[in-house]
Amino acid sequence: MYENGEGEGRHFITVLHLFIDQLHYSCDGPSSASFLPSSASLPPTVCVFDGDVEIVPMDVSQIPSGTFSANALFAAGPTDISLRQVSLDPMPDYMYDKLAEECQMPDAQLDDSPRPGAFYAALINDRWERVQCVRASKIDKAAFCVYLIDVGAFHYVRSDVLRRLNAKTPFRKMLMFKCKVGS
């Protein structure tokens, strides 16, 4: 059962939109759409790793004001809890799959040192995560403190596990929000 009046039809439409987005934003080239009729035209599929990617938090108006289901992603204590709306599923899975594909591309390799404030992908615990570089480590100059923007946690990584993000990504929003228990 889906909450907030979202029935199976709405869920199907969301999945269909994500599938269509996958075709539009695939980095595999035109062959990924070979099953479409010849009359169908899709925009060219490209990955661009030049320039900065700007990722913004979800707008407060996008978070339901009533009761809704959420997945707990991270908790450092009662005043630092990260959640993701269940209604966003399966979008995070699709995003992580695309991120893993794109991070394998040679153009995604970093040419320079990571810049504080810039967004990257980082391989953390065998999974590519979108991160924002906070600063260079004060102890290990080869490491950087990053904030996992879809998890809500800090982590240290070396620059060899950082990749540039695709500037043409459709994923421009952080997929989590913070909350706390109590007052």
N, C-alpha and C. Protein backbone atom coordinates (compact mmCIF):
# COMPACT_ATOMS: atom_id res chain seq x y z
N MET A 1 0.84 -1.18 0.00
CA MET A 1 0.00 0.00 0.00
C MET A 1 0.88 1.24 0.00
N TYR A 2 0.52 2.22 -0.78
CA TYR A 2 1.28 3.46 -0.88
C TYR A 2 0.59 4.54 -0.08
N GLU A 3 1.40 5.35 0.60
CA GLU A 3 0.84 6.39 1.46
C GLU A 3 0.60 7.67 0.67
N ASN A 4 -0.12 8.61 1.29
CA ASN A 4 -0.40 9.92 0.73
C ASN A 4 -1.11 9.85 -0.62
N GLY A 5 -2.01 8.86 -0.79
CA GLY A 5 -2.83 8.79 -1.99
C GLY A 5 -2.09 8.31 -3.23
N GLU A 6 -0.90 7.78 -3.08
CA GLU A 6 -0.17 7.30 -4.24
C GLU A 6 -0.54 5.84 -4.44
N GLY A 7 -1.25 5.54 -5.51
CA GLY A 7 -1.66 4.18 -5.81
C GLY A 7 -0.67 3.51 -6.73
N GLU A 8 -0.99 2.29 -7.13
CA GLU A 8 -0.11 1.54 -8.01
C GLU A 8 0.06 2.23 -9.35
N GLY A 9 -0.98 2.88 -9.85
CA GLY A 9 -0.88 3.60 -11.12
C GLY A 9 0.15 4.70 -11.05
N ARG A 10 0.16 5.46 -9.97
CA ARG A 10 1.13 6.55 -9.80
C ARG A 10 2.54 5.97 -9.70
N HIS A 11 2.69 4.86 -8.97
CA HIS A 11 4.00 4.22 -8.83
C HIS A 11 4.49 3.75 -10.20
N PHE A 12 3.60 3.16 -11.00
CA PHE A 12 3.97 2.70 -12.33
C PHE A 12 4.44 3.87 -13.19
N ILE A 13 3.74 4.99 -13.12
CA ILE A 13 4.12 6.16 -13.90
C ILE A 13 5.49 6.68 -13.47
N THR A 14 5.75 6.69 -12.16
CA THR A 14 7.06 7.12 -11.67
C THR A 14 8.16 6.22 -12.21
N VAL A 15 7.94 4.90 -12.15
CA VAL A 15 8.94 3.95 -12.66
C VAL A 15 9.12 4.16 -14.16
N LEU A 16 8.02 4.39 -14.88
CA LEU A 16 8.10 4.63 -16.32
C LEU A 16 8.91 5.89 -16.61
N HIS A 17 8.69 6.95 -15.85
CA HIS A 17 9.47 8.18 -16.04
C HIS A 17 10.95 7.94 -15.78
N LEU A 18 11.26 7.15 -14.75
CA LEU A 18 12.66 6.85 -14.46
C LEU A 18 13.28 6.04 -15.59
N PHE A 19 12.51 5.11 -16.16
CA PHE A 19 13.01 4.32 -17.28
C PHE A 19 13.29 5.22 -18.48
N ILE A 20 12.38 6.14 -18.75
CA ILE A 20 12.58 7.07 -19.86
C ILE A 20 13.80 7.95 -19.58
N ASP A 21 13.94 8.42 -18.34
CA ASP A 21 15.12 9.22 -17.98
C ASP A 21 16.40 8.42 -18.20
N GLN A 22 16.34 7.11 -17.92
CA GLN A 22 17.51 6.27 -18.11
C GLN A 22 17.92 6.29 -19.58
N LEU A 23 16.96 6.25 -20.47
CA LEU A 23 17.28 6.32 -21.89
C LEU A 23 17.87 7.67 -22.26
N HIS A 24 17.30 8.73 -21.70
CA HIS A 24 17.76 10.07 -22.04
C HIS A 24 19.15 10.36 -21.49
N TYR A 25 19.50 9.81 -20.34
CA TYR A 25 20.74 10.19 -19.68
C TYR A 25 21.76 9.07 -19.65
N SER A 26 21.54 8.02 -20.41
CA SER A 26 22.48 6.92 -20.43
C SER A 26 23.80 7.37 -21.04
N CYS A 27 24.88 6.84 -20.55
CA CYS A 27 26.19 7.17 -21.11
C CYS A 27 26.69 6.03 -21.99
N ASP A 28 25.82 5.09 -22.31
CA ASP A 28 26.22 3.93 -23.10
C ASP A 28 26.16 4.19 -24.59
N GLY A 29 25.63 5.31 -25.02
CA GLY A 29 25.53 5.61 -26.44
C GLY A 29 24.20 5.17 -27.01
N PRO A 30 24.00 5.37 -28.32
CA PRO A 30 22.71 5.14 -28.94
C PRO A 30 22.25 3.69 -28.89
N SER A 31 23.15 2.73 -28.73
CA SER A 31 22.72 1.33 -28.75
C SER A 31 21.77 1.00 -27.63
N SER A 32 21.76 1.77 -26.55
CA SER A 32 20.87 1.48 -25.43
C SER A 32 19.41 1.69 -25.79
N ALA A 33 19.14 2.39 -26.87
CA ALA A 33 17.77 2.64 -27.29
C ALA A 33 17.43 1.88 -28.57
N SER A 34 18.15 0.82 -28.89
CA SER A 34 17.97 0.13 -30.16
C SER A 34 16.62 -0.58 -30.26
N PHE A 35 15.93 -0.83 -29.16
CA PHE A 35 14.64 -1.51 -29.22
C PHE A 35 13.50 -0.55 -29.52
N LEU A 36 13.77 0.77 -29.58
CA LEU A 36 12.73 1.74 -29.88
C LEU A 36 12.43 1.77 -31.37
N PRO A 37 11.21 2.10 -31.75
CA PRO A 37 10.89 2.23 -33.17
C PRO A 37 11.77 3.29 -33.82
N SER A 38 12.03 3.14 -35.11
CA SER A 38 12.91 4.08 -35.79
C SER A 38 12.35 5.50 -35.81
N SER A 39 11.03 5.64 -35.62
CA SER A 39 10.42 6.97 -35.61
C SER A 39 10.68 7.71 -34.31
N ALA A 40 11.09 7.00 -33.26
CA ALA A 40 11.36 7.64 -31.97
C ALA A 40 12.72 8.32 -32.03
N SER A 41 12.79 9.53 -31.52
CA SER A 41 14.07 10.22 -31.50
C SER A 41 14.39 10.62 -30.08
N LEU A 42 15.59 10.32 -29.68
CA LEU A 42 16.07 10.65 -28.34
C LEU A 42 17.21 11.64 -28.48
N PRO A 43 17.38 12.50 -27.47
CA PRO A 43 18.52 13.41 -27.53
C PRO A 43 19.82 12.61 -27.46
N PRO A 44 20.92 13.17 -27.95
CA PRO A 44 22.19 12.46 -27.87
C PRO A 44 22.51 12.15 -26.41
N THR A 45 23.11 11.01 -26.19
CA THR A 45 23.46 10.62 -24.83
C THR A 45 24.93 10.93 -24.61
N VAL A 46 25.19 11.83 -23.69
CA VAL A 46 26.56 12.26 -23.44
C VAL A 46 26.82 12.36 -21.95
N CYS A 47 28.07 12.19 -21.63
CA CYS A 47 28.54 12.47 -20.28
C CYS A 47 29.59 13.57 -20.43
N VAL A 48 29.43 14.62 -19.66
CA VAL A 48 30.36 15.74 -19.71
C VAL A 48 30.95 15.90 -18.32
N PHE A 49 32.26 15.78 -18.23
CA PHE A 49 32.91 15.86 -16.93
C PHE A 49 33.67 17.18 -16.76
N ASP A 50 33.36 18.17 -17.58
CA ASP A 50 33.97 19.49 -17.46
C ASP A 50 33.05 20.39 -16.66
N GLY A 51 33.63 21.28 -15.90
CA GLY A 51 32.81 22.23 -15.15
C GLY A 51 32.33 21.67 -13.83
N ASP A 52 31.74 22.54 -13.06
CA ASP A 52 31.24 22.17 -11.75
C ASP A 52 29.80 21.70 -11.83
N VAL A 53 29.46 20.78 -10.96
CA VAL A 53 28.09 20.32 -10.82
C VAL A 53 27.54 20.94 -9.54
N GLU A 54 26.38 21.53 -9.61
CA GLU A 54 25.75 22.12 -8.43
C GLU A 54 24.62 21.20 -7.99
N ILE A 55 24.69 20.76 -6.76
CA ILE A 55 23.65 19.90 -6.18
C ILE A 55 23.06 20.64 -4.99
N VAL A 56 21.75 20.69 -4.93
CA VAL A 56 21.08 21.48 -3.90
C VAL A 56 20.21 20.57 -3.02
N PRO A 57 19.95 21.01 -1.79
CA PRO A 57 19.06 20.24 -0.92
C PRO A 57 17.64 20.22 -1.47
N MET A 58 16.88 19.22 -1.05
CA MET A 58 15.47 19.18 -1.39
C MET A 58 14.80 20.41 -0.80
N ASP A 59 13.88 20.99 -1.53
CA ASP A 59 13.12 22.12 -1.02
C ASP A 59 12.17 21.63 0.07
N VAL A 60 11.97 22.43 1.09
CA VAL A 60 11.08 22.04 2.19
C VAL A 60 9.68 21.70 1.66
N SER A 61 9.25 22.38 0.61
CA SER A 61 7.92 22.12 0.05
C SER A 61 7.83 20.73 -0.58
N GLN A 62 8.97 20.07 -0.85
CA GLN A 62 8.96 18.73 -1.43
C GLN A 62 8.80 17.65 -0.37
N ILE A 63 8.92 18.02 0.88
CA ILE A 63 8.76 17.05 1.97
C ILE A 63 7.31 17.10 2.42
N PRO A 64 6.64 15.95 2.45
CA PRO A 64 5.23 15.95 2.84
C PRO A 64 5.04 16.51 4.24
N SER A 65 3.93 17.20 4.45
CA SER A 65 3.66 17.77 5.77
C SER A 65 2.92 16.78 6.66
N GLY A 66 2.33 15.76 6.06
CA GLY A 66 1.64 14.73 6.84
C GLY A 66 2.55 13.54 7.09
N THR A 67 1.97 12.48 7.59
CA THR A 67 2.71 11.25 7.86
C THR A 67 3.19 10.64 6.55
N PHE A 68 4.44 10.18 6.53
CA PHE A 68 4.98 9.49 5.36
C PHE A 68 6.04 8.50 5.80
N SER A 69 6.30 7.53 4.95
CA SER A 69 7.32 6.51 5.24
C SER A 69 8.69 7.03 4.82
N ALA A 70 9.70 6.66 5.61
CA ALA A 70 11.07 7.08 5.31
C ALA A 70 12.03 5.98 5.72
N ASN A 71 13.17 5.94 5.05
CA ASN A 71 14.25 5.03 5.40
C ASN A 71 15.29 5.80 6.21
N ALA A 72 15.73 5.22 7.31
CA ALA A 72 16.81 5.82 8.10
C ALA A 72 18.13 5.49 7.41
N LEU A 73 18.93 6.50 7.13
CA LEU A 73 20.19 6.32 6.43
C LEU A 73 21.40 6.38 7.36
N PHE A 74 21.31 7.27 8.36
CA PHE A 74 22.46 7.51 9.23
C PHE A 74 21.95 8.19 10.49
N ALA A 75 22.55 7.84 11.62
CA ALA A 75 22.22 8.52 12.87
C ALA A 75 23.48 8.61 13.72
N ALA A 76 23.87 9.84 14.04
CA ALA A 76 25.01 10.06 14.92
C ALA A 76 24.54 10.36 16.33
N GLY A 77 23.25 10.41 16.53
CA GLY A 77 22.65 10.72 17.82
C GLY A 77 21.26 11.27 17.61
N PRO A 78 20.57 11.59 18.68
CA PRO A 78 19.18 12.04 18.56
C PRO A 78 19.01 13.38 17.85
N THR A 79 20.08 14.14 17.72
CA THR A 79 19.97 15.44 17.03
C THR A 79 20.59 15.42 15.63
N ASP A 80 21.01 14.26 15.17
CA ASP A 80 21.64 14.16 13.84
C ASP A 80 21.20 12.87 13.17
N ILE A 81 20.02 12.90 12.55
CA ILE A 81 19.44 11.73 11.90
C ILE A 81 19.19 12.08 10.43
N SER A 82 19.60 11.18 9.53
CA SER A 82 19.37 11.37 8.09
C SER A 82 18.31 10.39 7.62
N LEU A 83 17.30 10.91 6.91
CA LEU A 83 16.20 10.09 6.39
C LEU A 83 16.04 10.33 4.89
N ARG A 84 15.44 9.35 4.21
CA ARG A 84 15.06 9.50 2.81
C ARG A 84 13.62 9.01 2.66
N GLN A 85 12.81 9.81 1.97
CA GLN A 85 11.42 9.43 1.74
C GLN A 85 11.36 8.13 0.93
N VAL A 86 10.54 7.19 1.37
CA VAL A 86 10.34 5.94 0.64
C VAL A 86 9.75 6.24 -0.74
N SER A 87 8.97 7.31 -0.85
CA SER A 87 8.34 7.65 -2.13
C SER A 87 9.36 7.97 -3.22
N LEU A 88 10.62 8.21 -2.85
CA LEU A 88 11.66 8.45 -3.85
C LEU A 88 12.14 7.16 -4.51
N ASP A 89 11.88 6.00 -3.89
CA ASP A 89 12.32 4.73 -4.46
C ASP A 89 11.61 4.48 -5.78
N PRO A 90 12.25 3.93 -6.76
CA PRO A 90 13.60 3.36 -6.85
C PRO A 90 14.64 4.34 -7.39
N MET A 91 14.37 5.63 -7.37
CA MET A 91 15.30 6.62 -7.92
C MET A 91 16.71 6.52 -7.33
N PRO A 92 16.89 6.36 -6.02
CA PRO A 92 18.26 6.26 -5.51
C PRO A 92 19.04 5.08 -6.10
N ASP A 93 18.37 3.93 -6.29
CA ASP A 93 19.06 2.79 -6.89
C ASP A 93 19.53 3.12 -8.30
N TYR A 94 18.67 3.74 -9.07
CA TYR A 94 19.02 4.14 -10.43
C TYR A 94 20.18 5.13 -10.40
N MET A 95 20.13 6.11 -9.49
CA MET A 95 21.20 7.09 -9.40
C MET A 95 22.53 6.43 -9.06
N TYR A 96 22.53 5.51 -8.09
CA TYR A 96 23.77 4.83 -7.71
C TYR A 96 24.30 3.98 -8.86
N ASP A 97 23.42 3.32 -9.62
CA ASP A 97 23.86 2.53 -10.78
C ASP A 97 24.53 3.43 -11.82
N LYS A 98 23.89 4.56 -12.14
CA LYS A 98 24.46 5.48 -13.12
C LYS A 98 25.78 6.06 -12.62
N LEU A 99 25.85 6.39 -11.34
CA LEU A 99 27.07 6.94 -10.77
C LEU A 99 28.21 5.93 -10.89
N ALA A 100 27.94 4.66 -10.59
CA ALA A 100 28.97 3.62 -10.70
C ALA A 100 29.46 3.49 -12.15
N GLU A 101 28.55 3.54 -13.11
CA GLU A 101 28.92 3.49 -14.53
C GLU A 101 29.81 4.66 -14.90
N GLU A 102 29.36 5.85 -14.55
CA GLU A 102 30.07 7.06 -14.95
C GLU A 102 31.45 7.17 -14.30
N CYS A 103 31.59 6.67 -13.09
CA CYS A 103 32.88 6.76 -12.39
C CYS A 103 33.94 5.85 -13.00
N GLN A 104 33.53 4.88 -13.82
CA GLN A 104 34.48 4.00 -14.50
C GLN A 104 35.03 4.63 -15.77
N MET A 105 34.44 5.72 -16.22
CA MET A 105 34.88 6.36 -17.46
C MET A 105 36.19 7.12 -17.23
N PRO A 106 37.12 7.02 -18.18
CA PRO A 106 38.41 7.70 -18.01
C PRO A 106 38.28 9.21 -17.80
N ASP A 107 37.31 9.84 -18.43
CA ASP A 107 37.14 11.29 -18.29
C ASP A 107 36.72 11.72 -16.89
N ALA A 108 36.25 10.78 -16.08
CA ALA A 108 35.82 11.11 -14.73
C ALA A 108 37.00 11.28 -13.77
N GLN A 109 38.18 10.81 -14.15
CA GLN A 109 39.36 10.92 -13.29
C GLN A 109 39.64 12.39 -12.97
N LEU A 110 40.08 12.64 -11.75
CA LEU A 110 40.45 14.00 -11.35
C LEU A 110 41.78 14.39 -11.98
N ASP A 111 41.85 15.61 -12.48
CA ASP A 111 43.10 16.14 -13.03
C ASP A 111 43.85 16.96 -11.98
N ASP A 112 43.11 17.56 -11.06
CA ASP A 112 43.68 18.43 -10.04
C ASP A 112 43.27 17.94 -8.66
N SER A 113 43.78 18.62 -7.65
CA SER A 113 43.36 18.31 -6.28
C SER A 113 41.90 18.70 -6.09
N PRO A 114 41.19 17.96 -5.26
CA PRO A 114 39.79 18.33 -4.97
C PRO A 114 39.73 19.72 -4.34
N ARG A 115 38.68 20.47 -4.70
CA ARG A 115 38.50 21.82 -4.18
C ARG A 115 37.41 21.83 -3.12
N PRO A 116 37.66 22.46 -1.98
CA PRO A 116 36.60 22.58 -0.97
C PRO A 116 35.36 23.25 -1.55
N GLY A 117 34.21 22.67 -1.24
CA GLY A 117 32.94 23.17 -1.73
C GLY A 117 32.46 22.51 -3.00
N ALA A 118 33.36 21.87 -3.75
CA ALA A 118 32.99 21.23 -5.01
C ALA A 118 32.40 19.84 -4.75
N PHE A 119 31.56 19.39 -5.69
CA PHE A 119 30.91 18.09 -5.59
C PHE A 119 31.66 17.07 -6.44
N TYR A 120 31.79 15.85 -5.90
CA TYR A 120 32.49 14.75 -6.56
C TYR A 120 31.75 13.45 -6.28
N ALA A 121 32.28 12.37 -6.83
CA ALA A 121 31.87 11.02 -6.43
C ALA A 121 33.05 10.43 -5.69
N ALA A 122 32.79 9.64 -4.65
CA ALA A 122 33.86 9.00 -3.89
C ALA A 122 33.49 7.54 -3.66
N LEU A 123 34.48 6.67 -3.81
CA LEU A 123 34.27 5.25 -3.55
C LEU A 123 34.44 5.01 -2.05
N ILE A 124 33.32 4.73 -1.39
CA ILE A 124 33.32 4.54 0.06
C ILE A 124 32.63 3.21 0.35
N ASN A 125 33.36 2.31 1.00
CA ASN A 125 32.83 0.98 1.33
C ASN A 125 32.25 0.29 0.10
N ASP A 126 33.02 0.28 -0.99
CA ASP A 126 32.67 -0.40 -2.24
C ASP A 126 31.44 0.16 -2.94
N ARG A 127 31.07 1.40 -2.66
CA ARG A 127 29.94 2.03 -3.34
C ARG A 127 30.29 3.48 -3.65
N TRP A 128 29.94 3.91 -4.86
CA TRP A 128 30.16 5.30 -5.24
C TRP A 128 29.09 6.17 -4.61
N GLU A 129 29.52 7.21 -3.91
CA GLU A 129 28.62 8.15 -3.24
C GLU A 129 28.88 9.55 -3.79
N ARG A 130 27.85 10.35 -3.86
CA ARG A 130 28.03 11.77 -4.19
C ARG A 130 28.49 12.47 -2.92
N VAL A 131 29.54 13.27 -3.04
CA VAL A 131 30.11 13.93 -1.86
C VAL A 131 30.41 15.39 -2.19
N GLN A 132 30.53 16.17 -1.12
CA GLN A 132 31.02 17.54 -1.24
C GLN A 132 32.33 17.61 -0.47
N CYS A 133 33.37 18.10 -1.12
CA CYS A 133 34.66 18.23 -0.46
C CYS A 133 34.58 19.34 0.59
N VAL A 134 34.97 19.02 1.82
CA VAL A 134 34.93 20.00 2.90
C VAL A 134 36.28 20.68 3.04
N ARG A 135 37.34 19.87 3.14
CA ARG A 135 38.69 20.42 3.31
C ARG A 135 39.71 19.30 3.21
N ALA A 136 40.97 19.68 3.09
CA ALA A 136 42.06 18.70 3.16
C ALA A 136 42.20 18.26 4.61
N SER A 137 42.63 17.04 4.80
CA SER A 137 42.85 16.53 6.16
C SER A 137 43.99 17.31 6.82
N LYS A 138 43.85 17.57 8.09
CA LYS A 138 44.89 18.28 8.83
C LYS A 138 46.02 17.33 9.24
N ILE A 139 45.73 16.03 9.20
CA ILE A 139 46.72 15.03 9.62
C ILE A 139 47.41 14.40 8.42
N ASP A 140 46.63 13.98 7.42
CA ASP A 140 47.14 13.31 6.23
C ASP A 140 46.86 14.20 5.02
N LYS A 141 47.89 14.83 4.49
CA LYS A 141 47.70 15.80 3.39
C LYS A 141 47.21 15.13 2.10
N ALA A 142 47.24 13.80 2.01
CA ALA A 142 46.74 13.10 0.82
C ALA A 142 45.26 12.76 0.96
N ALA A 143 44.68 13.06 2.11
CA ALA A 143 43.27 12.73 2.37
C ALA A 143 42.43 14.00 2.44
N PHE A 144 41.13 13.81 2.21
CA PHE A 144 40.19 14.93 2.23
C PHE A 144 38.96 14.55 3.04
N CYS A 145 38.46 15.51 3.79
CA CYS A 145 37.20 15.33 4.50
C CYS A 145 36.09 15.64 3.51
N VAL A 146 35.14 14.71 3.36
CA VAL A 146 34.01 14.90 2.45
C VAL A 146 32.72 14.66 3.21
N TYR A 147 31.66 15.27 2.71
CA TYR A 147 30.32 15.09 3.26
C TYR A 147 29.50 14.30 2.26
N LEU A 148 28.99 13.15 2.67
CA LEU A 148 28.17 12.30 1.81
C LEU A 148 26.78 12.92 1.73
N ILE A 149 26.49 13.59 0.62
CA ILE A 149 25.29 14.41 0.54
C ILE A 149 23.99 13.62 0.48
N ASP A 150 24.05 12.33 0.15
CA ASP A 150 22.84 11.52 0.11
C ASP A 150 22.71 10.63 1.34
N VAL A 151 23.66 10.74 2.26
CA VAL A 151 23.65 9.95 3.49
C VAL A 151 23.63 10.86 4.71
N GLY A 152 24.32 11.99 4.62
CA GLY A 152 24.35 12.93 5.74
C GLY A 152 25.44 12.64 6.74
N ALA A 153 26.59 12.14 6.27
CA ALA A 153 27.69 11.80 7.17
C ALA A 153 29.00 12.31 6.58
N PHE A 154 29.99 12.49 7.45
CA PHE A 154 31.32 12.89 7.02
C PHE A 154 32.21 11.66 6.91
N HIS A 155 33.21 11.76 6.04
CA HIS A 155 34.13 10.63 5.83
C HIS A 155 35.44 11.21 5.30
N TYR A 156 36.54 10.49 5.51
CA TYR A 156 37.82 10.88 4.94
C TYR A 156 38.15 9.95 3.79
N VAL A 157 38.60 10.52 2.67
CA VAL A 157 38.99 9.73 1.50
C VAL A 157 40.26 10.31 0.89
N ARG A 158 40.96 9.48 0.14
CA ARG A 158 42.12 9.95 -0.62
C ARG A 158 41.65 10.37 -2.01
N SER A 159 42.41 11.23 -2.63
CA SER A 159 41.98 11.77 -3.93
C SER A 159 41.90 10.70 -5.02
N ASP A 160 42.63 9.58 -4.87
CA ASP A 160 42.57 8.55 -5.91
C ASP A 160 41.23 7.82 -5.96
N VAL A 161 40.38 7.98 -4.96
CA VAL A 161 39.03 7.38 -5.00
C VAL A 161 37.96 8.44 -5.26
N LEU A 162 38.37 9.63 -5.66
CA LEU A 162 37.42 10.69 -6.02
C LEU A 162 37.32 10.78 -7.54
N ARG A 163 36.13 11.05 -8.02
CA ARG A 163 35.88 11.22 -9.46
C ARG A 163 35.05 12.48 -9.68
N ARG A 164 35.18 13.05 -10.86
CA ARG A 164 34.33 14.18 -11.24
C ARG A 164 32.94 13.66 -11.55
N LEU A 165 31.95 14.49 -11.30
CA LEU A 165 30.56 14.13 -11.60
C LEU A 165 30.21 14.55 -13.02
N ASN A 166 29.28 13.82 -13.61
CA ASN A 166 28.76 14.14 -14.93
C ASN A 166 27.97 15.45 -14.84
N ALA A 167 28.40 16.46 -15.58
CA ALA A 167 27.72 17.76 -15.55
C ALA A 167 26.31 17.69 -16.14
N LYS A 168 26.01 16.65 -16.89
CA LYS A 168 24.68 16.48 -17.51
C LYS A 168 23.77 15.58 -16.67
N THR A 169 24.15 15.31 -15.45
CA THR A 169 23.34 14.43 -14.60
C THR A 169 21.95 15.01 -14.36
N PRO A 170 20.93 14.15 -14.36
CA PRO A 170 19.59 14.64 -14.03
C PRO A 170 19.39 14.75 -12.52
N PHE A 171 20.34 14.25 -11.74
CA PHE A 171 20.20 14.22 -10.29
C PHE A 171 20.84 15.47 -9.69
N ARG A 172 20.04 16.49 -9.48
CA ARG A 172 20.51 17.78 -8.98
C ARG A 172 20.10 18.04 -7.54
N LYS A 173 19.37 17.12 -6.94
CA LYS A 173 18.90 17.29 -5.56
C LYS A 173 19.56 16.26 -4.66
N MET A 174 19.80 16.66 -3.42
CA MET A 174 20.23 15.70 -2.41
C MET A 174 19.03 14.84 -2.08
N LEU A 175 19.27 13.56 -1.84
CA LEU A 175 18.16 12.62 -1.66
C LEU A 175 17.89 12.30 -0.20
N MET A 176 18.30 13.16 0.70
CA MET A 176 18.03 12.92 2.12
C MET A 176 17.70 14.24 2.79
N PHE A 177 17.16 14.13 3.98
CA PHE A 177 16.93 15.31 4.80
C PHE A 177 17.29 14.96 6.23
N LYS A 178 17.60 15.98 7.01
CA LYS A 178 18.01 15.81 8.41
C LYS A 178 16.83 16.06 9.33
N CYS A 179 16.85 15.35 10.44
CA CYS A 179 15.84 15.60 11.48
C CYS A 179 16.45 15.26 12.83
N LYS A 180 15.71 15.59 13.89
CA LYS A 180 16.17 15.26 15.23
C LYS A 180 14.98 14.83 16.06
N VAL A 181 15.26 14.09 17.11
CA VAL A 181 14.23 13.60 18.02
C VAL A 181 14.14 14.56 19.19
N GLY A 182 12.95 14.91 19.57
CA GLY A 182 12.75 15.79 20.72
C GLY A 182 12.75 17.24 20.31
N SER A 183 12.95 18.10 21.28
CA SER A 183 12.91 19.53 20.99
C SER A 183 14.27 19.98 20.61
